Amino acid sequence: MAFVLDHSVHIDAPAQTVWDVLTDFAAYAEWNPFCLSCEATLAPGAPIDMTVKLIAGREVRQREWIHTVNPGTGFGYSMKPYPAGALRSLRTHTITPQGDGSCRYDSHFEIDGWLRPVVTSIMGPALRSGFAAMTAAVKDRAEQRM
């Protein structure tokens, strides 16, 4: 069974503003408490390079790969799967306009494979708090732009 983290938040800002926040990778250090830096072109098949804060505040560099891009409404990426089904991940950002100038932001992360129990026992708490903090920070950053 996969380790899944889903967070949703209503944002009092247009979907385009949230998209702009999520795709302004150079500014992540200004507002994102979990993903401290990010570089990507958002081209399917291209890398997304990140520095994330994990165990005991330790910063970890990682490279994942963009697989979907829906301009203005979301994008997703995954790590390169480990051999023999040992570990794989999925991360998506989805923005849904609400028709009143606001939107809903959905953050989804999952990790699975036979190494999942080891990884989540070590990093599970940091992943839980990190993705929750990032979701709240997306809301704050987008609403501050209004």
N, C-alpha and C. Protein backbone atom coordinates (compact mmCIF):
# COMPACT_ATOMS: atom_id res chain seq x y z
N MET A 1 0.84 -1.18 0.00
CA MET A 1 0.00 0.00 0.00
C MET A 1 0.88 1.24 0.00
N ALA A 2 0.56 2.17 -0.88
CA ALA A 2 1.35 3.39 -1.03
C ALA A 2 1.20 4.30 0.19
N PHE A 3 2.21 5.09 0.44
CA PHE A 3 2.19 6.17 1.42
C PHE A 3 1.70 7.38 0.65
N VAL A 4 0.53 7.91 1.03
CA VAL A 4 -0.10 9.00 0.28
C VAL A 4 -0.34 10.19 1.20
N LEU A 5 -0.01 11.37 0.69
CA LEU A 5 -0.30 12.62 1.40
C LEU A 5 -1.09 13.52 0.46
N ASP A 6 -2.33 13.83 0.86
CA ASP A 6 -3.17 14.74 0.09
C ASP A 6 -3.52 15.93 0.97
N HIS A 7 -3.33 17.12 0.42
CA HIS A 7 -3.70 18.36 1.10
C HIS A 7 -4.46 19.23 0.11
N SER A 8 -5.55 19.81 0.57
CA SER A 8 -6.34 20.72 -0.26
C SER A 8 -6.60 21.98 0.53
N VAL A 9 -6.64 23.10 -0.18
CA VAL A 9 -6.89 24.37 0.48
C VAL A 9 -7.63 25.30 -0.49
N HIS A 10 -8.57 26.04 0.06
CA HIS A 10 -9.26 27.08 -0.71
C HIS A 10 -8.39 28.33 -0.66
N ILE A 11 -8.18 28.95 -1.83
CA ILE A 11 -7.33 30.13 -1.91
C ILE A 11 -8.14 31.29 -2.48
N ASP A 12 -8.15 32.39 -1.77
CA ASP A 12 -8.84 33.59 -2.22
C ASP A 12 -7.97 34.36 -3.20
N ALA A 13 -7.71 33.72 -4.32
CA ALA A 13 -6.93 34.30 -5.41
C ALA A 13 -7.28 33.51 -6.67
N PRO A 14 -7.16 34.14 -7.83
CA PRO A 14 -7.45 33.42 -9.08
C PRO A 14 -6.47 32.26 -9.32
N ALA A 15 -6.93 31.29 -10.07
CA ALA A 15 -6.09 30.14 -10.41
C ALA A 15 -4.78 30.58 -11.05
N GLN A 16 -4.82 31.61 -11.89
CA GLN A 16 -3.60 32.07 -12.56
C GLN A 16 -2.56 32.57 -11.55
N THR A 17 -3.01 33.20 -10.48
CA THR A 17 -2.08 33.67 -9.45
C THR A 17 -1.42 32.49 -8.76
N VAL A 18 -2.18 31.47 -8.46
CA VAL A 18 -1.60 30.27 -7.83
C VAL A 18 -0.64 29.58 -8.78
N TRP A 19 -1.01 29.48 -10.04
CA TRP A 19 -0.11 28.93 -11.05
C TRP A 19 1.20 29.71 -11.09
N ASP A 20 1.09 31.02 -11.07
CA ASP A 20 2.30 31.86 -11.11
C ASP A 20 3.18 31.61 -9.89
N VAL A 21 2.58 31.44 -8.72
CA VAL A 21 3.34 31.15 -7.50
C VAL A 21 4.06 29.80 -7.65
N LEU A 22 3.32 28.78 -8.07
CA LEU A 22 3.89 27.44 -8.16
C LEU A 22 4.98 27.31 -9.23
N THR A 23 4.89 28.11 -10.28
CA THR A 23 5.85 27.97 -11.38
C THR A 23 6.96 29.02 -11.35
N ASP A 24 6.94 29.90 -10.36
CA ASP A 24 8.05 30.85 -10.19
C ASP A 24 9.10 30.17 -9.31
N PHE A 25 9.77 29.18 -9.90
CA PHE A 25 10.70 28.34 -9.15
C PHE A 25 11.83 29.12 -8.51
N ALA A 26 12.28 30.16 -9.15
CA ALA A 26 13.38 30.96 -8.62
C ALA A 26 13.02 31.63 -7.30
N ALA A 27 11.73 31.82 -7.04
CA ALA A 27 11.29 32.50 -5.81
C ALA A 27 10.97 31.54 -4.67
N TYR A 28 11.10 30.24 -4.85
CA TYR A 28 10.74 29.29 -3.79
C TYR A 28 11.43 29.60 -2.46
N ALA A 29 12.66 30.02 -2.51
CA ALA A 29 13.39 30.31 -1.27
C ALA A 29 12.74 31.43 -0.47
N GLU A 30 11.95 32.28 -1.12
CA GLU A 30 11.30 33.39 -0.44
C GLU A 30 10.09 32.97 0.39
N TRP A 31 9.46 31.85 0.03
CA TRP A 31 8.18 31.53 0.68
C TRP A 31 7.99 30.06 1.04
N ASN A 32 8.73 29.17 0.43
CA ASN A 32 8.47 27.74 0.59
C ASN A 32 9.31 27.14 1.71
N PRO A 33 8.70 26.71 2.81
CA PRO A 33 9.47 26.17 3.92
C PRO A 33 9.97 24.74 3.71
N PHE A 34 9.46 24.05 2.69
CA PHE A 34 9.81 22.65 2.45
C PHE A 34 10.73 22.49 1.25
N CYS A 35 10.36 23.06 0.13
CA CYS A 35 11.18 23.00 -1.08
C CYS A 35 11.93 24.32 -1.16
N LEU A 36 13.16 24.31 -0.73
CA LEU A 36 13.94 25.53 -0.55
C LEU A 36 14.46 26.11 -1.86
N SER A 37 14.62 25.27 -2.86
CA SER A 37 15.01 25.75 -4.18
C SER A 37 14.46 24.79 -5.21
N CYS A 38 14.23 25.31 -6.40
CA CYS A 38 13.66 24.49 -7.47
C CYS A 38 14.06 25.08 -8.81
N GLU A 39 14.41 24.21 -9.73
CA GLU A 39 14.73 24.61 -11.10
C GLU A 39 14.04 23.65 -12.04
N ALA A 40 13.28 24.20 -13.00
CA ALA A 40 12.59 23.35 -13.97
C ALA A 40 12.16 24.20 -15.16
N THR A 41 12.00 23.54 -16.30
CA THR A 41 11.48 24.20 -17.49
C THR A 41 10.01 23.86 -17.70
N LEU A 42 9.49 22.93 -16.94
CA LEU A 42 8.12 22.43 -17.07
C LEU A 42 7.85 21.77 -18.42
N ALA A 43 8.86 21.26 -19.05
CA ALA A 43 8.67 20.50 -20.29
C ALA A 43 8.56 19.02 -19.92
N PRO A 44 7.52 18.34 -20.41
CA PRO A 44 7.42 16.90 -20.13
C PRO A 44 8.69 16.17 -20.54
N GLY A 45 9.18 15.34 -19.63
CA GLY A 45 10.42 14.61 -19.85
C GLY A 45 11.65 15.32 -19.33
N ALA A 46 11.52 16.60 -18.98
CA ALA A 46 12.66 17.39 -18.48
C ALA A 46 12.79 17.20 -16.96
N PRO A 47 13.98 17.45 -16.45
CA PRO A 47 14.17 17.31 -15.00
C PRO A 47 13.56 18.48 -14.22
N ILE A 48 13.28 18.20 -12.97
CA ILE A 48 12.96 19.22 -11.97
C ILE A 48 13.92 18.96 -10.82
N ASP A 49 14.79 19.92 -10.58
CA ASP A 49 15.82 19.79 -9.54
C ASP A 49 15.41 20.60 -8.33
N MET A 50 15.41 19.95 -7.17
CA MET A 50 14.93 20.59 -5.95
C MET A 50 15.89 20.37 -4.80
N THR A 51 15.83 21.29 -3.85
CA THR A 51 16.45 21.09 -2.55
C THR A 51 15.31 21.12 -1.54
N VAL A 52 15.13 20.02 -0.82
CA VAL A 52 14.04 19.93 0.15
C VAL A 52 14.60 19.75 1.56
N LYS A 53 13.82 20.22 2.52
CA LYS A 53 14.22 20.11 3.92
C LYS A 53 13.58 18.84 4.48
N LEU A 54 14.42 17.91 4.91
CA LEU A 54 13.90 16.63 5.40
C LEU A 54 14.25 16.40 6.86
N ILE A 55 14.88 15.33 7.15
CA ILE A 55 15.14 14.89 8.52
C ILE A 55 16.00 15.88 9.27
N ALA A 56 15.53 16.33 10.42
CA ALA A 56 16.26 17.25 11.29
C ALA A 56 16.71 18.50 10.55
N GLY A 57 15.90 18.95 9.60
CA GLY A 57 16.22 20.16 8.86
C GLY A 57 17.29 19.98 7.81
N ARG A 58 17.72 18.76 7.59
CA ARG A 58 18.77 18.48 6.61
C ARG A 58 18.26 18.77 5.20
N GLU A 59 19.03 19.49 4.42
CA GLU A 59 18.67 19.82 3.05
C GLU A 59 19.17 18.73 2.12
N VAL A 60 18.27 18.24 1.27
CA VAL A 60 18.59 17.15 0.36
C VAL A 60 18.29 17.59 -1.07
N ARG A 61 19.27 17.42 -1.96
CA ARG A 61 19.06 17.71 -3.39
C ARG A 61 18.47 16.47 -4.04
N GLN A 62 17.50 16.69 -4.90
CA GLN A 62 16.94 15.57 -5.63
C GLN A 62 16.52 16.01 -7.02
N ARG A 63 16.55 15.05 -7.93
CA ARG A 63 16.13 15.28 -9.30
C ARG A 63 14.97 14.33 -9.59
N GLU A 64 13.90 14.92 -10.10
CA GLU A 64 12.76 14.14 -10.54
C GLU A 64 12.46 14.55 -11.97
N TRP A 65 11.40 13.98 -12.57
CA TRP A 65 11.15 14.18 -13.99
C TRP A 65 9.70 14.60 -14.22
N ILE A 66 9.53 15.69 -14.95
CA ILE A 66 8.20 16.21 -15.28
C ILE A 66 7.50 15.21 -16.20
N HIS A 67 6.24 14.87 -15.86
CA HIS A 67 5.50 13.98 -16.75
C HIS A 67 4.21 14.61 -17.29
N THR A 68 3.63 15.55 -16.60
CA THR A 68 2.43 16.22 -17.11
C THR A 68 2.50 17.71 -16.82
N VAL A 69 2.00 18.48 -17.76
CA VAL A 69 1.89 19.93 -17.59
C VAL A 69 0.58 20.36 -18.24
N ASN A 70 -0.28 20.96 -17.45
CA ASN A 70 -1.53 21.55 -17.93
C ASN A 70 -1.47 23.02 -17.54
N PRO A 71 -0.98 23.88 -18.45
CA PRO A 71 -0.77 25.28 -18.11
C PRO A 71 -1.97 25.93 -17.43
N GLY A 72 -1.69 26.55 -16.30
CA GLY A 72 -2.73 27.23 -15.54
C GLY A 72 -3.49 26.37 -14.56
N THR A 73 -3.38 25.04 -14.70
CA THR A 73 -4.16 24.17 -13.80
C THR A 73 -3.36 23.08 -13.10
N GLY A 74 -2.13 22.83 -13.52
CA GLY A 74 -1.37 21.85 -12.76
C GLY A 74 -0.20 21.23 -13.50
N PHE A 75 0.61 20.52 -12.73
CA PHE A 75 1.72 19.76 -13.28
C PHE A 75 2.07 18.64 -12.32
N GLY A 76 2.77 17.65 -12.86
CA GLY A 76 3.16 16.51 -12.04
C GLY A 76 4.53 16.01 -12.41
N TYR A 77 5.16 15.33 -11.46
CA TYR A 77 6.49 14.79 -11.69
C TYR A 77 6.71 13.58 -10.82
N SER A 78 7.73 12.82 -11.17
CA SER A 78 8.04 11.58 -10.46
C SER A 78 9.55 11.39 -10.40
N MET A 79 9.98 10.64 -9.38
CA MET A 79 11.37 10.24 -9.34
C MET A 79 11.57 9.14 -10.37
N LYS A 80 12.79 8.93 -10.78
CA LYS A 80 13.10 7.79 -11.64
C LYS A 80 12.91 6.54 -10.79
N PRO A 81 12.04 5.61 -11.23
CA PRO A 81 11.79 4.43 -10.40
C PRO A 81 13.07 3.62 -10.16
N TYR A 82 13.18 3.09 -8.96
CA TYR A 82 14.30 2.23 -8.63
C TYR A 82 14.06 0.87 -9.29
N PRO A 83 15.12 0.14 -9.59
CA PRO A 83 14.97 -1.18 -10.21
C PRO A 83 14.16 -2.15 -9.33
N ALA A 84 13.57 -3.12 -9.98
CA ALA A 84 12.83 -4.21 -9.33
C ALA A 84 11.67 -3.71 -8.47
N GLY A 85 11.12 -2.54 -8.82
CA GLY A 85 9.97 -2.02 -8.08
C GLY A 85 10.29 -1.59 -6.66
N ALA A 86 11.56 -1.28 -6.38
CA ALA A 86 11.95 -0.94 -5.02
C ALA A 86 11.31 0.35 -4.53
N LEU A 87 11.23 1.37 -5.39
CA LEU A 87 10.69 2.66 -4.95
C LEU A 87 10.27 3.47 -6.16
N ARG A 88 9.12 4.11 -6.04
CA ARG A 88 8.63 5.02 -7.08
C ARG A 88 7.79 6.08 -6.41
N SER A 89 7.66 7.23 -7.06
CA SER A 89 6.90 8.33 -6.45
C SER A 89 6.03 9.02 -7.49
N LEU A 90 5.11 9.82 -7.01
CA LEU A 90 4.27 10.67 -7.84
C LEU A 90 3.96 11.92 -7.04
N ARG A 91 4.12 13.09 -7.69
CA ARG A 91 3.81 14.38 -7.06
C ARG A 91 3.00 15.18 -8.05
N THR A 92 1.84 15.69 -7.61
CA THR A 92 1.04 16.54 -8.49
C THR A 92 0.59 17.78 -7.74
N HIS A 93 0.47 18.85 -8.52
CA HIS A 93 -0.10 20.12 -8.07
C HIS A 93 -1.30 20.36 -8.98
N THR A 94 -2.48 20.56 -8.41
CA THR A 94 -3.69 20.78 -9.20
C THR A 94 -4.40 22.03 -8.70
N ILE A 95 -4.77 22.88 -9.63
CA ILE A 95 -5.46 24.13 -9.31
C ILE A 95 -6.82 24.09 -10.01
N THR A 96 -7.89 24.30 -9.23
CA THR A 96 -9.24 24.26 -9.79
C THR A 96 -9.93 25.60 -9.54
N PRO A 97 -10.21 26.36 -10.61
CA PRO A 97 -10.92 27.63 -10.45
C PRO A 97 -12.30 27.39 -9.83
N GLN A 98 -12.74 28.30 -8.98
CA GLN A 98 -14.03 28.15 -8.31
C GLN A 98 -15.11 29.05 -8.88
N GLY A 99 -14.79 29.85 -9.89
CA GLY A 99 -15.79 30.67 -10.54
C GLY A 99 -16.07 32.00 -9.89
N ASP A 100 -15.57 32.22 -8.70
CA ASP A 100 -15.79 33.49 -8.00
C ASP A 100 -14.48 34.25 -7.82
N GLY A 101 -13.50 33.90 -8.63
CA GLY A 101 -12.19 34.55 -8.51
C GLY A 101 -11.27 33.85 -7.53
N SER A 102 -11.75 32.78 -6.93
CA SER A 102 -10.92 31.99 -6.03
C SER A 102 -10.64 30.64 -6.69
N CYS A 103 -9.90 29.79 -5.98
CA CYS A 103 -9.61 28.46 -6.51
C CYS A 103 -9.33 27.49 -5.37
N ARG A 104 -9.23 26.24 -5.73
CA ARG A 104 -8.81 25.20 -4.79
C ARG A 104 -7.47 24.68 -5.28
N TYR A 105 -6.54 24.51 -4.35
CA TYR A 105 -5.23 23.93 -4.66
C TYR A 105 -5.17 22.56 -4.00
N ASP A 106 -4.84 21.55 -4.79
CA ASP A 106 -4.69 20.18 -4.29
C ASP A 106 -3.25 19.75 -4.47
N SER A 107 -2.66 19.33 -3.38
CA SER A 107 -1.29 18.81 -3.36
C SER A 107 -1.38 17.31 -3.14
N HIS A 108 -0.74 16.54 -4.02
CA HIS A 108 -0.76 15.08 -3.88
C HIS A 108 0.67 14.56 -3.97
N PHE A 109 0.99 13.66 -3.05
CA PHE A 109 2.29 12.99 -3.06
C PHE A 109 2.06 11.54 -2.69
N GLU A 110 2.73 10.66 -3.40
CA GLU A 110 2.69 9.25 -3.02
C GLU A 110 4.03 8.60 -3.32
N ILE A 111 4.33 7.62 -2.51
CA ILE A 111 5.55 6.84 -2.70
C ILE A 111 5.19 5.39 -2.43
N ASP A 112 5.73 4.49 -3.25
CA ASP A 112 5.41 3.08 -3.11
C ASP A 112 6.58 2.24 -3.57
N GLY A 113 6.48 0.96 -3.33
CA GLY A 113 7.53 0.00 -3.66
C GLY A 113 7.95 -0.74 -2.40
N TRP A 114 8.74 -1.77 -2.57
CA TRP A 114 9.08 -2.59 -1.42
C TRP A 114 10.01 -1.89 -0.43
N LEU A 115 10.66 -0.80 -0.83
CA LEU A 115 11.46 0.00 0.12
C LEU A 115 10.63 1.07 0.84
N ARG A 116 9.36 1.25 0.44
CA ARG A 116 8.51 2.28 1.03
C ARG A 116 8.48 2.24 2.55
N PRO A 117 8.32 1.07 3.19
CA PRO A 117 8.28 1.07 4.66
C PRO A 117 9.54 1.64 5.31
N VAL A 118 10.68 1.38 4.72
CA VAL A 118 11.94 1.89 5.25
C VAL A 118 12.00 3.41 5.07
N VAL A 119 11.71 3.87 3.86
CA VAL A 119 11.79 5.30 3.56
C VAL A 119 10.80 6.08 4.41
N THR A 120 9.58 5.60 4.51
CA THR A 120 8.56 6.36 5.26
C THR A 120 8.76 6.28 6.77
N SER A 121 9.40 5.23 7.24
CA SER A 121 9.69 5.20 8.69
C SER A 121 10.75 6.23 9.04
N ILE A 122 11.65 6.49 8.11
CA ILE A 122 12.71 7.47 8.35
C ILE A 122 12.24 8.89 8.03
N MET A 123 11.57 9.06 6.89
CA MET A 123 11.23 10.40 6.41
C MET A 123 9.75 10.75 6.50
N GLY A 124 8.90 9.83 6.92
CA GLY A 124 7.46 10.08 6.96
C GLY A 124 7.06 11.35 7.70
N PRO A 125 7.53 11.55 8.93
CA PRO A 125 7.15 12.78 9.65
C PRO A 125 7.58 14.06 8.93
N ALA A 126 8.79 14.06 8.37
CA ALA A 126 9.26 15.25 7.65
C ALA A 126 8.45 15.48 6.38
N LEU A 127 8.07 14.41 5.70
CA LEU A 127 7.24 14.55 4.50
C LEU A 127 5.86 15.08 4.86
N ARG A 128 5.28 14.54 5.92
CA ARG A 128 3.95 15.01 6.36
C ARG A 128 3.97 16.51 6.68
N SER A 129 4.91 16.90 7.51
CA SER A 129 4.95 18.32 7.90
C SER A 129 5.38 19.20 6.74
N GLY A 130 6.29 18.72 5.91
CA GLY A 130 6.77 19.51 4.78
C GLY A 130 5.70 19.80 3.75
N PHE A 131 4.94 18.79 3.34
CA PHE A 131 3.90 19.01 2.35
C PHE A 131 2.75 19.85 2.92
N ALA A 132 2.43 19.66 4.19
CA ALA A 132 1.40 20.50 4.82
C ALA A 132 1.85 21.95 4.87
N ALA A 133 3.10 22.18 5.24
CA ALA A 133 3.62 23.54 5.32
C ALA A 133 3.68 24.20 3.95
N MET A 134 4.05 23.44 2.93
CA MET A 134 4.11 24.01 1.59
C MET A 134 2.71 24.39 1.11
N THR A 135 1.72 23.54 1.38
CA THR A 135 0.35 23.84 0.97
C THR A 135 -0.13 25.14 1.60
N ALA A 136 0.10 25.29 2.89
CA ALA A 136 -0.29 26.53 3.58
C ALA A 136 0.47 27.73 3.02
N ALA A 137 1.73 27.54 2.68
CA ALA A 137 2.55 28.63 2.16
C ALA A 137 2.11 29.05 0.75
N VAL A 138 1.66 28.10 -0.06
CA VAL A 138 1.13 28.45 -1.39
C VAL A 138 -0.06 29.39 -1.21
N LYS A 139 -0.96 29.03 -0.31
CA LYS A 139 -2.14 29.85 -0.03
C LYS A 139 -1.71 31.26 0.41
N ASP A 140 -0.82 31.33 1.38
CA ASP A 140 -0.36 32.62 1.89
C ASP A 140 0.27 33.47 0.80
N ARG A 141 1.14 32.86 0.02
CA ARG A 141 1.86 33.61 -1.04
C ARG A 141 0.89 34.13 -2.09
N ALA A 142 -0.05 33.29 -2.54
CA ALA A 142 -1.00 33.72 -3.55
C ALA A 142 -1.93 34.82 -3.03
N GLU A 143 -2.41 34.67 -1.80
CA GLU A 143 -3.32 35.67 -1.25
C GLU A 143 -2.60 36.99 -0.97
N GLN A 144 -1.31 36.95 -0.66
CA GLN A 144 -0.56 38.19 -0.46
C GLN A 144 -0.40 38.97 -1.76
N ARG A 145 -0.48 38.28 -2.88
CA ARG A 145 -0.35 38.95 -4.19
C ARG A 145 -1.63 39.67 -4.60
N MET A 146 -2.68 39.46 -3.85
CA MET A 146 -3.98 40.08 -4.21
C MET A 146 -4.11 41.47 -3.60
